[in-house]
Amino acid sequence: VRDAIKAQFGGQGDSTQDPYTMIFKMYDSDENGVLDKGELMGMIKQLGLQIEDEEVAQIVDAADVDGNQSLNVHEFKIFFKPPDIEETGTKSSGGASKRTRGGGAAG
């Protein structure tokens, strides 16, 4: 899913807004500031990927830091943004760090 997001949207955005924030807002259809499982499923399917409800639930479980069963923009960016890209959209000069929550896999 990360690769599909990067391929589809990686070059979008302007100097004032991170492309991952733009993607998040594009799929937050009810504009409540979080992506629920249905909105995330819609995003993934629109990217042309086949995914099951259980897999979407696993993504949410892995990325949901605050435990509300949905992803806010910060959780979305931590999970989906490639680890070698900083907030400015440039590659970091240090080694890539693995993002995990509670000892789980980065996905």
N, C-alpha and C. Protein backbone atom coordinates (compact mmCIF):
# COMPACT_ATOMS: atom_id res chain seq x y z
N VAL A 1 0.83 -1.18 0.00
CA VAL A 1 0.00 0.00 0.00
C VAL A 1 0.88 1.25 0.00
N ARG A 2 1.95 1.22 0.79
CA ARG A 2 2.85 2.39 0.82
C ARG A 2 3.40 2.70 -0.56
N ASP A 3 3.83 1.66 -1.27
CA ASP A 3 4.39 1.87 -2.61
C ASP A 3 3.35 2.45 -3.56
N ALA A 4 2.11 1.99 -3.47
CA ALA A 4 1.05 2.50 -4.34
C ALA A 4 0.76 3.96 -4.03
N ILE A 5 0.76 4.32 -2.76
CA ILE A 5 0.54 5.73 -2.39
C ILE A 5 1.67 6.59 -2.92
N LYS A 6 2.90 6.14 -2.72
CA LYS A 6 4.05 6.91 -3.20
C LYS A 6 4.02 7.05 -4.71
N ALA A 7 3.69 5.96 -5.42
CA ALA A 7 3.65 6.01 -6.88
C ALA A 7 2.55 6.92 -7.38
N GLN A 8 1.40 6.88 -6.73
CA GLN A 8 0.24 7.67 -7.17
C GLN A 8 0.36 9.13 -6.79
N PHE A 9 0.86 9.41 -5.58
CA PHE A 9 0.78 10.76 -5.05
C PHE A 9 2.12 11.36 -4.66
N GLY A 10 3.21 10.63 -4.78
CA GLY A 10 4.50 11.08 -4.27
C GLY A 10 4.96 12.42 -4.76
N GLY A 11 4.66 12.78 -5.98
CA GLY A 11 5.11 14.05 -6.53
C GLY A 11 4.13 15.19 -6.36
N GLN A 12 2.98 14.92 -5.78
CA GLN A 12 1.98 15.96 -5.63
C GLN A 12 2.28 16.83 -4.43
N GLY A 13 1.64 17.95 -4.39
CA GLY A 13 1.79 18.85 -3.26
C GLY A 13 2.54 20.10 -3.67
N ASP A 14 2.38 21.11 -2.85
CA ASP A 14 3.11 22.34 -3.08
C ASP A 14 4.04 22.55 -1.89
N SER A 15 4.72 23.66 -1.88
CA SER A 15 5.70 23.89 -0.83
C SER A 15 5.06 24.14 0.53
N THR A 16 3.75 24.39 0.58
CA THR A 16 3.10 24.70 1.84
C THR A 16 2.40 23.51 2.48
N GLN A 17 2.14 22.44 1.74
CA GLN A 17 1.43 21.31 2.32
C GLN A 17 2.06 19.98 1.90
N ASP A 18 2.30 19.18 2.89
CA ASP A 18 2.85 17.84 2.69
C ASP A 18 1.89 17.02 1.83
N PRO A 19 2.39 16.27 0.84
CA PRO A 19 1.50 15.48 -0.01
C PRO A 19 0.71 14.43 0.76
N TYR A 20 1.26 13.91 1.85
CA TYR A 20 0.54 12.90 2.63
C TYR A 20 -0.63 13.53 3.38
N THR A 21 -0.49 14.79 3.79
CA THR A 21 -1.62 15.51 4.39
C THR A 21 -2.70 15.73 3.35
N MET A 22 -2.30 16.06 2.13
CA MET A 22 -3.27 16.26 1.05
C MET A 22 -4.02 14.96 0.75
N ILE A 23 -3.30 13.83 0.72
CA ILE A 23 -3.93 12.54 0.48
C ILE A 23 -4.93 12.26 1.59
N PHE A 24 -4.51 12.47 2.82
CA PHE A 24 -5.39 12.22 3.96
C PHE A 24 -6.68 13.01 3.82
N LYS A 25 -6.56 14.30 3.53
CA LYS A 25 -7.75 15.15 3.40
C LYS A 25 -8.63 14.73 2.23
N MET A 26 -8.01 14.25 1.17
CA MET A 26 -8.76 13.81 0.00
C MET A 26 -9.68 12.64 0.33
N TYR A 27 -9.24 11.75 1.21
CA TYR A 27 -10.02 10.56 1.53
C TYR A 27 -10.81 10.67 2.83
N ASP A 28 -10.66 11.75 3.57
CA ASP A 28 -11.47 11.98 4.76
C ASP A 28 -12.81 12.55 4.31
N SER A 29 -13.64 11.67 3.77
CA SER A 29 -14.87 12.10 3.08
C SER A 29 -15.86 12.82 3.99
N ASP A 30 -15.90 12.49 5.27
CA ASP A 30 -16.84 13.18 6.16
C ASP A 30 -16.17 14.35 6.88
N GLU A 31 -14.91 14.62 6.55
CA GLU A 31 -14.13 15.75 7.06
C GLU A 31 -14.15 15.84 8.59
N ASN A 32 -14.05 14.67 9.24
CA ASN A 32 -14.03 14.66 10.70
C ASN A 32 -12.62 14.57 11.28
N GLY A 33 -11.61 14.62 10.43
CA GLY A 33 -10.23 14.63 10.89
C GLY A 33 -9.62 13.26 11.12
N VAL A 34 -10.36 12.20 10.79
CA VAL A 34 -9.83 10.84 10.90
C VAL A 34 -10.29 10.02 9.71
N LEU A 35 -9.50 9.02 9.36
CA LEU A 35 -9.91 8.05 8.35
C LEU A 35 -10.38 6.81 9.09
N ASP A 36 -11.65 6.45 8.88
CA ASP A 36 -12.13 5.21 9.45
C ASP A 36 -11.80 4.07 8.49
N LYS A 37 -12.15 2.86 8.86
CA LYS A 37 -11.80 1.70 8.04
C LYS A 37 -12.43 1.79 6.65
N GLY A 38 -13.64 2.31 6.55
CA GLY A 38 -14.30 2.43 5.26
C GLY A 38 -13.59 3.43 4.35
N GLU A 39 -13.17 4.56 4.90
CA GLU A 39 -12.46 5.56 4.11
C GLU A 39 -11.09 5.02 3.67
N LEU A 40 -10.42 4.32 4.56
CA LEU A 40 -9.14 3.73 4.22
C LEU A 40 -9.30 2.67 3.14
N MET A 41 -10.35 1.86 3.25
CA MET A 41 -10.65 0.84 2.23
C MET A 41 -10.89 1.51 0.89
N GLY A 42 -11.65 2.60 0.87
CA GLY A 42 -11.91 3.33 -0.37
C GLY A 42 -10.64 3.85 -1.00
N MET A 43 -9.74 4.38 -0.18
CA MET A 43 -8.47 4.89 -0.69
C MET A 43 -7.66 3.76 -1.33
N ILE A 44 -7.56 2.65 -0.64
CA ILE A 44 -6.75 1.53 -1.13
C ILE A 44 -7.34 0.97 -2.42
N LYS A 45 -8.65 0.83 -2.47
CA LYS A 45 -9.29 0.31 -3.68
C LYS A 45 -9.15 1.28 -4.84
N GLN A 46 -9.21 2.59 -4.55
CA GLN A 46 -9.04 3.58 -5.62
C GLN A 46 -7.62 3.53 -6.18
N LEU A 47 -6.68 3.09 -5.39
CA LEU A 47 -5.31 2.92 -5.86
C LEU A 47 -5.16 1.67 -6.73
N GLY A 48 -6.25 0.90 -6.86
CA GLY A 48 -6.24 -0.28 -7.70
C GLY A 48 -5.77 -1.54 -7.01
N LEU A 49 -5.72 -1.51 -5.69
CA LEU A 49 -5.25 -2.67 -4.93
C LEU A 49 -6.44 -3.47 -4.41
N GLN A 50 -6.28 -4.77 -4.40
CA GLN A 50 -7.30 -5.65 -3.83
C GLN A 50 -6.94 -5.89 -2.37
N ILE A 51 -7.90 -5.67 -1.49
CA ILE A 51 -7.65 -5.83 -0.07
C ILE A 51 -8.92 -6.29 0.62
N GLU A 52 -8.77 -7.09 1.61
CA GLU A 52 -9.89 -7.62 2.38
C GLU A 52 -10.13 -6.74 3.61
N ASP A 53 -11.34 -6.80 4.14
CA ASP A 53 -11.68 -6.03 5.35
C ASP A 53 -10.72 -6.33 6.49
N GLU A 54 -10.35 -7.60 6.63
CA GLU A 54 -9.44 -8.00 7.70
C GLU A 54 -8.08 -7.32 7.55
N GLU A 55 -7.62 -7.16 6.31
CA GLU A 55 -6.32 -6.51 6.08
C GLU A 55 -6.39 -5.02 6.42
N VAL A 56 -7.51 -4.39 6.11
CA VAL A 56 -7.69 -2.98 6.47
C VAL A 56 -7.70 -2.85 7.99
N ALA A 57 -8.38 -3.76 8.66
CA ALA A 57 -8.41 -3.75 10.12
C ALA A 57 -7.00 -3.91 10.70
N GLN A 58 -6.19 -4.74 10.07
CA GLN A 58 -4.81 -4.93 10.53
C GLN A 58 -3.99 -3.66 10.35
N ILE A 59 -4.20 -2.96 9.25
CA ILE A 59 -3.50 -1.69 9.02
C ILE A 59 -3.89 -0.69 10.10
N VAL A 60 -5.20 -0.57 10.36
CA VAL A 60 -5.66 0.37 11.37
C VAL A 60 -5.10 -0.01 12.74
N ASP A 61 -5.15 -1.30 13.08
CA ASP A 61 -4.61 -1.74 14.37
C ASP A 61 -3.13 -1.39 14.50
N ALA A 62 -2.37 -1.55 13.43
CA ALA A 62 -0.93 -1.28 13.47
C ALA A 62 -0.62 0.21 13.55
N ALA A 63 -1.45 1.04 12.93
CA ALA A 63 -1.16 2.47 12.83
C ALA A 63 -1.86 3.32 13.88
N ASP A 64 -2.89 2.79 14.50
CA ASP A 64 -3.74 3.56 15.42
C ASP A 64 -3.09 3.69 16.80
N VAL A 65 -2.42 4.80 17.02
CA VAL A 65 -1.69 5.03 18.26
C VAL A 65 -2.64 5.32 19.42
N ASP A 66 -3.69 6.10 19.18
CA ASP A 66 -4.56 6.52 20.28
C ASP A 66 -5.71 5.54 20.57
N GLY A 67 -5.83 4.48 19.80
CA GLY A 67 -6.79 3.43 20.08
C GLY A 67 -8.23 3.73 19.75
N ASN A 68 -8.48 4.70 18.85
CA ASN A 68 -9.86 5.05 18.51
C ASN A 68 -10.39 4.33 17.27
N GLN A 69 -9.64 3.34 16.79
CA GLN A 69 -10.03 2.52 15.63
C GLN A 69 -10.15 3.33 14.34
N SER A 70 -9.41 4.42 14.26
CA SER A 70 -9.33 5.23 13.04
C SER A 70 -7.96 5.90 13.05
N LEU A 71 -7.61 6.53 11.92
CA LEU A 71 -6.29 7.16 11.80
C LEU A 71 -6.44 8.66 11.67
N ASN A 72 -5.78 9.41 12.55
CA ASN A 72 -5.71 10.85 12.35
C ASN A 72 -4.56 11.12 11.38
N VAL A 73 -4.37 12.36 10.98
CA VAL A 73 -3.38 12.65 9.95
C VAL A 73 -1.96 12.28 10.42
N HIS A 74 -1.68 12.47 11.69
CA HIS A 74 -0.35 12.14 12.21
C HIS A 74 -0.11 10.63 12.13
N GLU A 75 -1.07 9.84 12.57
CA GLU A 75 -0.94 8.38 12.51
C GLU A 75 -0.81 7.92 11.05
N PHE A 76 -1.60 8.51 10.17
CA PHE A 76 -1.55 8.17 8.75
C PHE A 76 -0.16 8.41 8.19
N LYS A 77 0.40 9.59 8.48
CA LYS A 77 1.71 9.92 7.94
C LYS A 77 2.81 9.04 8.53
N ILE A 78 2.75 8.75 9.82
CA ILE A 78 3.76 7.89 10.44
C ILE A 78 3.74 6.51 9.78
N PHE A 79 2.55 5.99 9.52
CA PHE A 79 2.45 4.64 8.98
C PHE A 79 2.77 4.57 7.50
N PHE A 80 2.26 5.52 6.71
CA PHE A 80 2.36 5.41 5.25
C PHE A 80 3.54 6.12 4.63
N LYS A 81 4.07 7.13 5.27
CA LYS A 81 5.20 7.85 4.66
C LYS A 81 6.44 6.98 4.73
N PRO A 82 7.16 6.84 3.63
CA PRO A 82 8.39 6.04 3.66
C PRO A 82 9.33 6.56 4.74
N PRO A 83 10.04 5.68 5.43
CA PRO A 83 10.85 6.10 6.56
C PRO A 83 12.02 7.00 6.22
N ASP A 84 12.41 7.10 4.95
CA ASP A 84 13.55 7.94 4.60
C ASP A 84 13.13 9.33 4.13
N ILE A 85 11.87 9.69 4.34
CA ILE A 85 11.40 11.02 3.93
C ILE A 85 10.97 11.79 5.17
N GLU A 86 11.57 12.95 5.35
CA GLU A 86 11.24 13.80 6.49
C GLU A 86 10.03 14.65 6.15
N GLU A 87 9.59 15.45 7.09
CA GLU A 87 8.43 16.31 6.90
C GLU A 87 8.57 17.24 5.71
N THR A 88 9.78 17.64 5.36
CA THR A 88 9.99 18.55 4.24
C THR A 88 9.89 17.84 2.90
N GLY A 89 9.84 16.50 2.95
CA GLY A 89 9.76 15.74 1.71
C GLY A 89 11.11 15.39 1.14
N THR A 90 12.18 15.65 1.89
CA THR A 90 13.51 15.33 1.42
C THR A 90 14.01 14.09 2.13
N LYS A 91 14.96 13.42 1.52
CA LYS A 91 15.54 12.23 2.15
C LYS A 91 16.36 12.66 3.35
N SER A 92 16.27 11.89 4.41
CA SER A 92 17.04 12.20 5.60
C SER A 92 18.49 11.80 5.39
N SER A 93 19.37 12.46 6.12
CA SER A 93 20.79 12.17 5.97
C SER A 93 21.21 10.99 6.84
N GLY A 94 20.42 10.66 7.85
CA GLY A 94 20.75 9.55 8.72
C GLY A 94 20.15 8.26 8.21
N GLY A 95 20.36 7.19 8.95
CA GLY A 95 19.81 5.89 8.59
C GLY A 95 18.31 5.89 8.77
N ALA A 96 17.64 5.07 8.01
CA ALA A 96 16.19 4.96 8.12
C ALA A 96 15.85 4.25 9.42
N SER A 97 14.90 4.82 10.15
CA SER A 97 14.49 4.19 11.38
C SER A 97 13.20 3.42 11.14
N LYS A 98 13.09 2.29 11.78
CA LYS A 98 11.90 1.46 11.63
C LYS A 98 10.82 2.00 12.55
N ARG A 99 9.65 2.19 12.01
CA ARG A 99 8.55 2.71 12.81
C ARG A 99 7.71 1.56 13.34
N THR A 100 7.66 1.47 14.65
CA THR A 100 6.83 0.43 15.24
C THR A 100 6.03 1.03 16.39
N ARG A 101 4.98 0.34 16.75
CA ARG A 101 4.17 0.76 17.89
C ARG A 101 4.01 -0.44 18.79
N GLY A 102 4.37 -0.29 20.02
CA GLY A 102 4.20 -1.34 20.98
C GLY A 102 4.91 -2.63 20.61
N GLY A 103 6.03 -2.51 19.94
CA GLY A 103 6.82 -3.68 19.60
C GLY A 103 6.34 -4.41 18.37
N GLY A 104 5.28 -3.94 17.73
CA GLY A 104 4.76 -4.60 16.55
C GLY A 104 5.57 -4.26 15.31
N ALA A 105 5.29 -4.94 14.24
CA ALA A 105 6.00 -4.69 12.99
C ALA A 105 5.55 -3.38 12.36
N ALA A 106 6.42 -2.78 11.60
CA ALA A 106 6.12 -1.51 10.94
C ALA A 106 5.16 -1.71 9.79
N GLY A 107 4.92 -2.86 9.35
CA GLY A 107 3.92 -3.19 8.33
C GLY A 107 4.46 -3.16 6.98
